Amino acid sequence: MTADGLSWRDDIDALVFRPAGHGGWCAVHRLAFRALLGLREPTPEDCLAHAAAHRPAFEAAAAGKIARRGYGAAASLHLTSRDIERAL
């Protein structure tokens, strides 16, 4: 399942994307979307639609975390609902 460079991975129950200018993967678990969307059981489609609608905030949250943590160019990372809420 994909949308605008965003994909859903059933094996980790998370949305994944590659942040602009970064070689690693960024994952956002379904539980983060529970907080962001206020839904008890957000579907993968709900999560993909929300991320696509707020793509700049997801990119900004990833860029901020990469910079704060000093991650290397190929490092993978996870975003929490708090990371994303700060960028919304």
PDB file of N, CA and C in Angstrom:
ATOM      1  N   MET A   1       0.840  -1.166   0.000  1.00  0.00           N
ATOM      2  CA  MET A   1       0.000   0.000   0.000  1.00  0.00           C
ATOM      3  C   MET A   1       0.899   1.247   0.000  1.00  0.00           C
ATOM      4  N   THR A   2       0.732   2.101  -0.998  1.00  0.00           N
ATOM      5  CA  THR A   2       1.580   3.286  -1.095  1.00  0.00           C
ATOM      6  C   THR A   2       0.751   4.517  -1.472  1.00  0.00           C
ATOM      7  N   ALA A   3       1.294   5.667  -1.150  1.00  0.00           N
ATOM      8  CA  ALA A   3       0.689   6.946  -1.525  1.00  0.00           C
ATOM      9  C   ALA A   3       1.757   8.029  -1.441  1.00  0.00           C
ATOM     10  N   ASP A   4       2.074   8.651  -2.580  1.00  0.00           N
ATOM     11  CA  ASP A   4       2.974   9.806  -2.590  1.00  0.00           C
ATOM     12  C   ASP A   4       4.309   9.546  -1.890  1.00  0.00           C
ATOM     13  N   GLY A   5       4.944   8.403  -2.195  1.00  0.00           N
ATOM     14  CA  GLY A   5       6.222   8.084  -1.562  1.00  0.00           C
ATOM     15  C   GLY A   5       6.100   7.537  -0.159  1.00  0.00           C
ATOM     16  N   LEU A   6       4.885   7.380   0.302  1.00  0.00           N
ATOM     17  CA  LEU A   6       4.611   6.821   1.623  1.00  0.00           C
ATOM     18  C   LEU A   6       4.161   5.380   1.427  1.00  0.00           C
ATOM     19  N   SER A   7       4.594   4.493   2.309  1.00  0.00           N
ATOM     20  CA  SER A   7       4.196   3.085   2.218  1.00  0.00           C
ATOM     21  C   SER A   7       3.766   2.585   3.583  1.00  0.00           C
ATOM     22  N   TRP A   8       2.918   1.563   3.571  1.00  0.00           N
ATOM     23  CA  TRP A   8       2.522   0.907   4.810  1.00  0.00           C
ATOM     24  C   TRP A   8       3.203  -0.439   4.873  1.00  0.00           C
ATOM     25  N   ARG A   9       3.859  -0.724   5.987  1.00  0.00           N
ATOM     26  CA  ARG A   9       4.491  -2.028   6.201  1.00  0.00           C
ATOM     27  C   ARG A   9       3.714  -2.784   7.267  1.00  0.00           C
ATOM     28  N   ASP A  10       3.028  -3.832   6.820  1.00  0.00           N
ATOM     29  CA  ASP A  10       2.251  -4.656   7.750  1.00  0.00           C
ATOM     30  C   ASP A  10       3.136  -5.348   8.777  1.00  0.00           C
ATOM     31  N   ASP A  11       4.361  -5.710   8.376  1.00  0.00           N
ATOM     32  CA  ASP A  11       5.236  -6.466   9.282  1.00  0.00           C
ATOM     33  C   ASP A  11       5.631  -5.675  10.522  1.00  0.00           C
ATOM     34  N   ILE A  12       5.656  -4.351  10.419  1.00  0.00           N
ATOM     35  CA  ILE A  12       5.988  -3.527  11.589  1.00  0.00           C
ATOM     36  C   ILE A  12       4.821  -2.623  11.997  1.00  0.00           C
ATOM     37  N   ASP A  13       3.688  -2.760  11.299  1.00  0.00           N
ATOM     38  CA  ASP A  13       2.481  -1.997  11.608  1.00  0.00           C
ATOM     39  C   ASP A  13       2.773  -0.499  11.623  1.00  0.00           C
ATOM     40  N   ALA A  14       3.445  -0.042  10.554  1.00  0.00           N
ATOM     41  CA  ALA A  14       3.871   1.356  10.517  1.00  0.00           C
ATOM     42  C   ALA A  14       3.917   1.899   9.092  1.00  0.00           C
ATOM     43  N   LEU A  15       3.753   3.200   9.002  1.00  0.00           N
ATOM     44  CA  LEU A  15       3.970   3.922   7.762  1.00  0.00           C
ATOM     45  C   LEU A  15       5.466   4.181   7.645  1.00  0.00           C
ATOM     46  N   VAL A  16       6.009   4.091   6.436  1.00  0.00           N
ATOM     47  CA  VAL A  16       7.423   4.384   6.230  1.00  0.00           C
ATOM     48  C   VAL A  16       7.590   5.314   5.031  1.00  0.00           C
ATOM     49  N   PHE A  17       8.637   6.125   5.085  1.00  0.00           N
ATOM     50  CA  PHE A  17       9.012   6.985   3.964  1.00  0.00           C
ATOM     51  C   PHE A  17      10.480   7.341   4.108  1.00  0.00           C
ATOM     52  N   ARG A  18      11.065   7.804   3.013  1.00  0.00           N
ATOM     53  CA  ARG A  18      12.442   8.295   3.046  1.00  0.00           C
ATOM     54  C   ARG A  18      12.378   9.819   3.066  1.00  0.00           C
ATOM     55  N   PRO A  19      12.834  10.436   4.151  1.00  0.00           N
ATOM     56  CA  PRO A  19      12.817  11.899   4.210  1.00  0.00           C
ATOM     57  C   PRO A  19      13.676  12.505   3.099  1.00  0.00           C
ATOM     58  N   ALA A  20      13.272  13.642   2.600  1.00  0.00           N
ATOM     59  CA  ALA A  20      14.008  14.331   1.543  1.00  0.00           C
ATOM     60  C   ALA A  20      15.463  14.537   1.955  1.00  0.00           C
ATOM     61  N   GLY A  21      16.378  14.171   1.075  1.00  0.00           N
ATOM     62  CA  GLY A  21      17.797  14.360   1.337  1.00  0.00           C
ATOM     63  C   GLY A  21      18.402  13.383   2.316  1.00  0.00           C
ATOM     64  N   HIS A  22      17.670  12.352   2.685  1.00  0.00           N
ATOM     65  CA  HIS A  22      18.155  11.373   3.669  1.00  0.00           C
ATOM     66  C   HIS A  22      18.014   9.981   3.073  1.00  0.00           C
ATOM     67  N   GLY A  23      19.021   9.138   3.264  1.00  0.00           N
ATOM     68  CA  GLY A  23      19.002   7.804   2.674  1.00  0.00           C
ATOM     69  C   GLY A  23      18.317   6.742   3.493  1.00  0.00           C
ATOM     70  N   GLY A  24      18.079   7.010   4.766  1.00  0.00           N
ATOM     71  CA  GLY A  24      17.457   6.009   5.633  1.00  0.00           C
ATOM     72  C   GLY A  24      15.941   6.099   5.610  1.00  0.00           C
ATOM     73  N   TRP A  25      15.325   5.100   6.210  1.00  0.00           N
ATOM     74  CA  TRP A  25      13.869   5.057   6.307  1.00  0.00           C
ATOM     75  C   TRP A  25      13.397   5.725   7.590  1.00  0.00           C
ATOM     76  N   CYS A  26      12.250   6.330   7.506  1.00  0.00           N
ATOM     77  CA  CYS A  26      11.583   6.910   8.664  1.00  0.00           C
ATOM     78  C   CYS A  26      10.278   6.147   8.855  1.00  0.00           C
ATOM     79  N   ALA A  27      10.026   5.675  10.064  1.00  0.00           N
ATOM     80  CA  ALA A  27       8.816   4.911  10.362  1.00  0.00           C
ATOM     81  C   ALA A  27       7.960   5.654  11.380  1.00  0.00           C
ATOM     82  N   VAL A  28       6.652   5.543  11.194  1.00  0.00           N
ATOM     83  CA  VAL A  28       5.687   6.114  12.134  1.00  0.00           C
ATOM     84  C   VAL A  28       4.694   5.000  12.458  1.00  0.00           C
ATOM     85  N   HIS A  29       4.732   4.512  13.679  1.00  0.00           N
ATOM     86  CA  HIS A  29       3.901   3.383  14.083  1.00  0.00           C
ATOM     87  C   HIS A  29       2.425   3.771  14.142  1.00  0.00           C
ATOM     88  N   ARG A  30       1.577   2.790  13.946  1.00  0.00           N
ATOM     89  CA  ARG A  30       0.125   3.015  13.998  1.00  0.00           C
ATOM     90  C   ARG A  30      -0.302   3.672  15.315  1.00  0.00           C
ATOM     91  N   LEU A  31       0.367   3.350  16.425  1.00  0.00           N
ATOM     92  CA  LEU A  31       0.004   3.954  17.710  1.00  0.00           C
ATOM     93  C   LEU A  31       0.201   5.468  17.706  1.00  0.00           C
ATOM     94  N   ALA A  32       1.190   5.957  16.953  1.00  0.00           N
ATOM     95  CA  ALA A  32       1.369   7.407  16.836  1.00  0.00           C
ATOM     96  C   ALA A  32       0.164   8.026  16.134  1.00  0.00           C
ATOM     97  N   PHE A  33      -0.343   7.331  15.122  1.00  0.00           N
ATOM     98  CA  PHE A  33      -1.517   7.843  14.415  1.00  0.00           C
ATOM     99  C   PHE A  33      -2.765   7.792  15.285  1.00  0.00           C
ATOM    100  N   ARG A  34      -2.813   6.870  16.216  1.00  0.00           N
ATOM    101  CA  ARG A  34      -3.940   6.821  17.154  1.00  0.00           C
ATOM    102  C   ARG A  34      -4.030   8.160  17.880  1.00  0.00           C
ATOM    103  N   ALA A  35      -2.894   8.655  18.353  1.00  0.00           N
ATOM    104  CA  ALA A  35      -2.866   9.944  19.051  1.00  0.00           C
ATOM    105  C   ALA A  35      -3.121  11.107  18.090  1.00  0.00           C
ATOM    106  N   LEU A  36      -2.525  11.050  16.908  1.00  0.00           N
ATOM    107  CA  LEU A  36      -2.673  12.147  15.952  1.00  0.00           C
ATOM    108  C   LEU A  36      -4.097  12.276  15.421  1.00  0.00           C
ATOM    109  N   LEU A  37      -4.732  11.152  15.178  1.00  0.00           N
ATOM    110  CA  LEU A  37      -6.057  11.160  14.563  1.00  0.00           C
ATOM    111  C   LEU A  37      -7.203  11.064  15.564  1.00  0.00           C
ATOM    112  N   GLY A  38      -6.882  10.684  16.790  1.00  0.00           N
ATOM    113  CA  GLY A  38      -7.932  10.515  17.782  1.00  0.00           C
ATOM    114  C   GLY A  38      -8.839   9.327  17.501  1.00  0.00           C
ATOM    115  N   LEU A  39      -8.297   8.348  16.783  1.00  0.00           N
ATOM    116  CA  LEU A  39      -9.049   7.133  16.458  1.00  0.00           C
ATOM    117  C   LEU A  39      -8.476   5.969  17.243  1.00  0.00           C
ATOM    118  N   ARG A  40      -9.335   5.132  17.760  1.00  0.00           N
ATOM    119  CA  ARG A  40      -8.869   3.967  18.527  1.00  0.00           C
ATOM    120  C   ARG A  40      -8.115   2.980  17.647  1.00  0.00           C
ATOM    121  N   GLU A  41      -8.607   2.744  16.454  1.00  0.00           N
ATOM    122  CA  GLU A  41      -7.979   1.789  15.541  1.00  0.00           C
ATOM    123  C   GLU A  41      -7.836   2.395  14.148  1.00  0.00           C
ATOM    124  N   PRO A  42      -6.889   3.317  13.954  1.00  0.00           N
ATOM    125  CA  PRO A  42      -6.725   3.883  12.613  1.00  0.00           C
ATOM    126  C   PRO A  42      -6.289   2.797  11.627  1.00  0.00           C
ATOM    127  N   THR A  43      -6.862   2.826  10.444  1.00  0.00           N
ATOM    128  CA  THR A  43      -6.499   1.860   9.411  1.00  0.00           C
ATOM    129  C   THR A  43      -5.238   2.346   8.698  1.00  0.00           C
ATOM    130  N   PRO A  44      -4.562   1.455   7.990  1.00  0.00           N
ATOM    131  CA  PRO A  44      -3.427   1.911   7.183  1.00  0.00           C
ATOM    132  C   PRO A  44      -3.835   3.029   6.221  1.00  0.00           C
ATOM    133  N   GLU A  45      -5.029   2.931   5.671  1.00  0.00           N
ATOM    134  CA  GLU A  45      -5.511   3.970   4.754  1.00  0.00           C
ATOM    135  C   GLU A  45      -5.670   5.311   5.467  1.00  0.00           C
ATOM    136  N   ASP A  46      -6.179   5.290   6.711  1.00  0.00           N
ATOM    137  CA  ASP A  46      -6.295   6.517   7.510  1.00  0.00           C
ATOM    138  C   ASP A  46      -4.919   7.145   7.709  1.00  0.00           C
ATOM    139  N   CYS A  47      -3.956   6.307   8.037  1.00  0.00           N
ATOM    140  CA  CYS A  47      -2.599   6.781   8.328  1.00  0.00           C
ATOM    141  C   CYS A  47      -1.941   7.357   7.081  1.00  0.00           C
ATOM    142  N   LEU A  48      -2.060   6.640   5.958  1.00  0.00           N
ATOM    143  CA  LEU A  48      -1.484   7.125   4.702  1.00  0.00           C
ATOM    144  C   LEU A  48      -2.119   8.444   4.278  1.00  0.00           C
ATOM    145  N   ALA A  49      -3.431   8.555   4.401  1.00  0.00           N
ATOM    146  CA  ALA A  49      -4.120   9.787   4.007  1.00  0.00           C
ATOM    147  C   ALA A  49      -3.686  10.964   4.874  1.00  0.00           C
ATOM    148  N   HIS A  50      -3.562  10.735   6.177  1.00  0.00           N
ATOM    149  CA  HIS A  50      -3.146  11.811   7.081  1.00  0.00           C
ATOM    150  C   HIS A  50      -1.714  12.256   6.767  1.00  0.00           C
ATOM    151  N   ALA A  51      -0.834  11.293   6.566  1.00  0.00           N
ATOM    152  CA  ALA A  51       0.560  11.636   6.267  1.00  0.00           C
ATOM    153  C   ALA A  51       0.670  12.365   4.932  1.00  0.00           C
ATOM    154  N   ALA A  52      -0.096  11.939   3.939  1.00  0.00           N
ATOM    155  CA  ALA A  52      -0.065  12.609   2.638  1.00  0.00           C
ATOM    156  C   ALA A  52      -0.592  14.041   2.756  1.00  0.00           C
ATOM    157  N   ALA A  53      -1.636  14.231   3.541  1.00  0.00           N
ATOM    158  CA  ALA A  53      -2.225  15.565   3.710  1.00  0.00           C
ATOM    159  C   ALA A  53      -1.316  16.510   4.490  1.00  0.00           C
ATOM    160  N   HIS A  54      -0.444  15.945   5.315  1.00  0.00           N
ATOM    161  CA  HIS A  54       0.442  16.749   6.164  1.00  0.00           C
ATOM    162  C   HIS A  54       1.908  16.429   5.889  1.00  0.00           C
ATOM    163  N   ARG A  55       2.218  16.108   4.644  1.00  0.00           N
ATOM    164  CA  ARG A  55       3.576  15.688   4.289  1.00  0.00           C
ATOM    165  C   ARG A  55       4.648  16.689   4.726  1.00  0.00           C
ATOM    166  N   PRO A  56       4.456  17.992   4.546  1.00  0.00           N
ATOM    167  CA  PRO A  56       5.494  18.929   4.997  1.00  0.00           C
ATOM    168  C   PRO A  56       5.805  18.794   6.491  1.00  0.00           C
ATOM    169  N   ALA A  57       4.798  18.552   7.310  1.00  0.00           N
ATOM    170  CA  ALA A  57       5.030  18.393   8.751  1.00  0.00           C
ATOM    171  C   ALA A  57       5.801  17.111   9.043  1.00  0.00           C
ATOM    172  N   PHE A  58       5.504  16.036   8.318  1.00  0.00           N
ATOM    173  CA  PHE A  58       6.231  14.782   8.515  1.00  0.00           C
ATOM    174  C   PHE A  58       7.689  14.953   8.097  1.00  0.00           C
ATOM    175  N   GLU A  59       7.915  15.643   6.974  1.00  0.00           N
ATOM    176  CA  GLU A  59       9.286  15.912   6.516  1.00  0.00           C
ATOM    177  C   GLU A  59      10.030  16.785   7.531  1.00  0.00           C
ATOM    178  N   ALA A  60       9.360  17.822   8.034  1.00  0.00           N
ATOM    179  CA  ALA A  60       9.988  18.716   9.012  1.00  0.00           C
ATOM    180  C   ALA A  60      10.305  17.979  10.305  1.00  0.00           C
ATOM    181  N   ALA A  61       9.395  17.123  10.748  1.00  0.00           N
ATOM    182  CA  ALA A  61       9.633  16.348  11.972  1.00  0.00           C
ATOM    183  C   ALA A  61      10.832  15.427  11.796  1.00  0.00           C
ATOM    184  N   ALA A  62      10.918  14.787  10.638  1.00  0.00           N
ATOM    185  CA  ALA A  62      12.055  13.894  10.376  1.00  0.00           C
ATOM    186  C   ALA A  62      13.356  14.690  10.307  1.00  0.00           C
ATOM    187  N   ALA A  63      13.352  15.804   9.581  1.00  0.00           N
ATOM    188  CA  ALA A  63      14.563  16.619   9.461  1.00  0.00           C
ATOM    189  C   ALA A  63      15.015  17.124  10.826  1.00  0.00           C
ATOM    190  N   GLY A  64      14.068  17.551  11.647  1.00  0.00           N
ATOM    191  CA  GLY A  64      14.412  18.031  12.983  1.00  0.00           C
ATOM    192  C   GLY A  64      15.022  16.946  13.843  1.00  0.00           C
ATOM    193  N   LYS A  65      14.457  15.752  13.795  1.00  0.00           N
ATOM    194  CA  LYS A  65      14.983  14.655  14.610  1.00  0.00           C
ATOM    195  C   LYS A  65      16.362  14.233  14.114  1.00  0.00           C
ATOM    196  N   ILE A  66      16.543  14.193  12.802  1.00  0.00           N
ATOM    197  CA  ILE A  66      17.845  13.844  12.226  1.00  0.00           C
ATOM    198  C   ILE A  66      18.896  14.843  12.692  1.00  0.00           C
ATOM    199  N   ALA A  67      18.565  16.136  12.632  1.00  0.00           N
ATOM    200  CA  ALA A  67      19.515  17.178  13.043  1.00  0.00           C
ATOM    201  C   ALA A  67      19.798  17.125  14.542  1.00  0.00           C
ATOM    202  N   ARG A  68      18.752  17.001  15.356  1.00  0.00           N
ATOM    203  CA  ARG A  68      18.936  16.976  16.817  1.00  0.00           C
ATOM    204  C   ARG A  68      19.766  15.788  17.270  1.00  0.00           C
ATOM    205  N   ARG A  69      19.519  14.652  16.669  1.00  0.00           N
ATOM    206  CA  ARG A  69      20.197  13.425  17.090  1.00  0.00           C
ATOM    207  C   ARG A  69      21.515  13.193  16.361  1.00  0.00           C
ATOM    208  N   GLY A  70      21.788  13.959  15.321  1.00  0.00           N
ATOM    209  CA  GLY A  70      23.026  13.800  14.565  1.00  0.00           C
ATOM    210  C   GLY A  70      23.104  12.483  13.807  1.00  0.00           C
ATOM    211  N   TYR A  71      21.962  11.998  13.309  1.00  0.00           N
ATOM    212  CA  TYR A  71      21.936  10.733  12.574  1.00  0.00           C
ATOM    213  C   TYR A  71      22.738  10.830  11.288  1.00  0.00           C
ATOM    214  N   GLY A  72      23.390   9.736  10.926  1.00  0.00           N
ATOM    215  CA  GLY A  72      24.120   9.651   9.671  1.00  0.00           C
ATOM    216  C   GLY A  72      23.162   9.635   8.486  1.00  0.00           C
ATOM    217  N   ALA A  73      23.720   9.797   7.285  1.00  0.00           N
ATOM    218  CA  ALA A  73      22.921   9.924   6.068  1.00  0.00           C
ATOM    219  C   ALA A  73      22.060   8.707   5.758  1.00  0.00           C
ATOM    220  N   ALA A  74      22.441   7.536   6.233  1.00  0.00           N
ATOM    221  CA  ALA A  74      21.683   6.317   5.919  1.00  0.00           C
ATOM    222  C   ALA A  74      20.949   5.747   7.130  1.00  0.00           C
ATOM    223  N   ALA A  75      20.978   6.456   8.243  1.00  0.00           N
ATOM    224  CA  ALA A  75      20.341   5.945   9.467  1.00  0.00           C
ATOM    225  C   ALA A  75      18.821   5.957   9.338  1.00  0.00           C
ATOM    226  N   SER A  76      18.204   4.931   9.865  1.00  0.00           N
ATOM    227  CA  SER A  76      16.744   4.881   9.927  1.00  0.00           C
ATOM    228  C   SER A  76      16.289   5.450  11.268  1.00  0.00           C
ATOM    229  N   LEU A  77      15.051   5.926  11.316  1.00  0.00           N
ATOM    230  CA  LEU A  77      14.555   6.538  12.537  1.00  0.00           C
ATOM    231  C   LEU A  77      13.055   6.330  12.669  1.00  0.00           C
ATOM    232  N   HIS A  78      12.542   6.542  13.863  1.00  0.00           N
ATOM    233  CA  HIS A  78      11.112   6.486  14.159  1.00  0.00           C
ATOM    234  C   HIS A  78      10.659   7.867  14.596  1.00  0.00           C
ATOM    235  N   LEU A  79       9.478   8.254  14.153  1.00  0.00           N
ATOM    236  CA  LEU A  79       8.858   9.483  14.635  1.00  0.00           C
ATOM    237  C   LEU A  79       7.725   9.118  15.578  1.00  0.00           C
ATOM    238  N   THR A  80       7.599   9.876  16.644  1.00  0.00           N
ATOM    239  CA  THR A  80       6.488   9.701  17.577  1.00  0.00           C
ATOM    240  C   THR A  80       5.402  10.723  17.241  1.00  0.00           C
ATOM    241  N   SER A  81       4.256  10.573  17.861  1.00  0.00           N
ATOM    242  CA  SER A  81       3.197  11.564  17.658  1.00  0.00           C
ATOM    243  C   SER A  81       3.664  12.937  18.136  1.00  0.00           C
ATOM    244  N   ARG A  82       4.466  12.982  19.181  1.00  0.00           N
ATOM    245  CA  ARG A  82       4.976  14.274  19.678  1.00  0.00           C
ATOM    246  C   ARG A  82       5.891  14.936  18.657  1.00  0.00           C
ATOM    247  N   ASP A  83       6.753  14.143  18.012  1.00  0.00           N
ATOM    248  CA  ASP A  83       7.626  14.699  16.974  1.00  0.00           C
ATOM    249  C   ASP A  83       6.789  15.378  15.893  1.00  0.00           C
ATOM    250  N   ILE A  84       5.743  14.698  15.465  1.00  0.00           N
ATOM    251  CA  ILE A  84       4.909  15.211  14.379  1.00  0.00           C
ATOM    252  C   ILE A  84       4.059  16.384  14.850  1.00  0.00           C
ATOM    253  N   GLU A  85       3.496  16.301  16.038  1.00  0.00           N
ATOM    254  CA  GLU A  85       2.670  17.401  16.563  1.00  0.00           C
ATOM    255  C   GLU A  85       3.464  18.695  16.663  1.00  0.00           C
ATOM    256  N   ARG A  86       4.747  18.602  17.008  1.00  0.00           N
ATOM    257  CA  ARG A  86       5.595  19.806  17.082  1.00  0.00           C
ATOM    258  C   ARG A  86       5.716  20.484  15.723  1.00  0.00           C
ATOM    259  N   ALA A  87       5.652  19.692  14.654  1.00  0.00           N
ATOM    260  CA  ALA A  87       5.826  20.239  13.307  1.00  0.00           C
ATOM    261  C   ALA A  87       4.510  20.660  12.646  1.00  0.00           C
ATOM    262  N   LEU A  88       3.391  20.275  13.222  1.00  0.00           N
ATOM    263  CA  LEU A  88       2.086  20.636  12.626  1.00  0.00           C
ATOM    264  C   LEU A  88       1.730  22.094  12.893  1.00  0.00           C
TER     265      LEU A  88
END
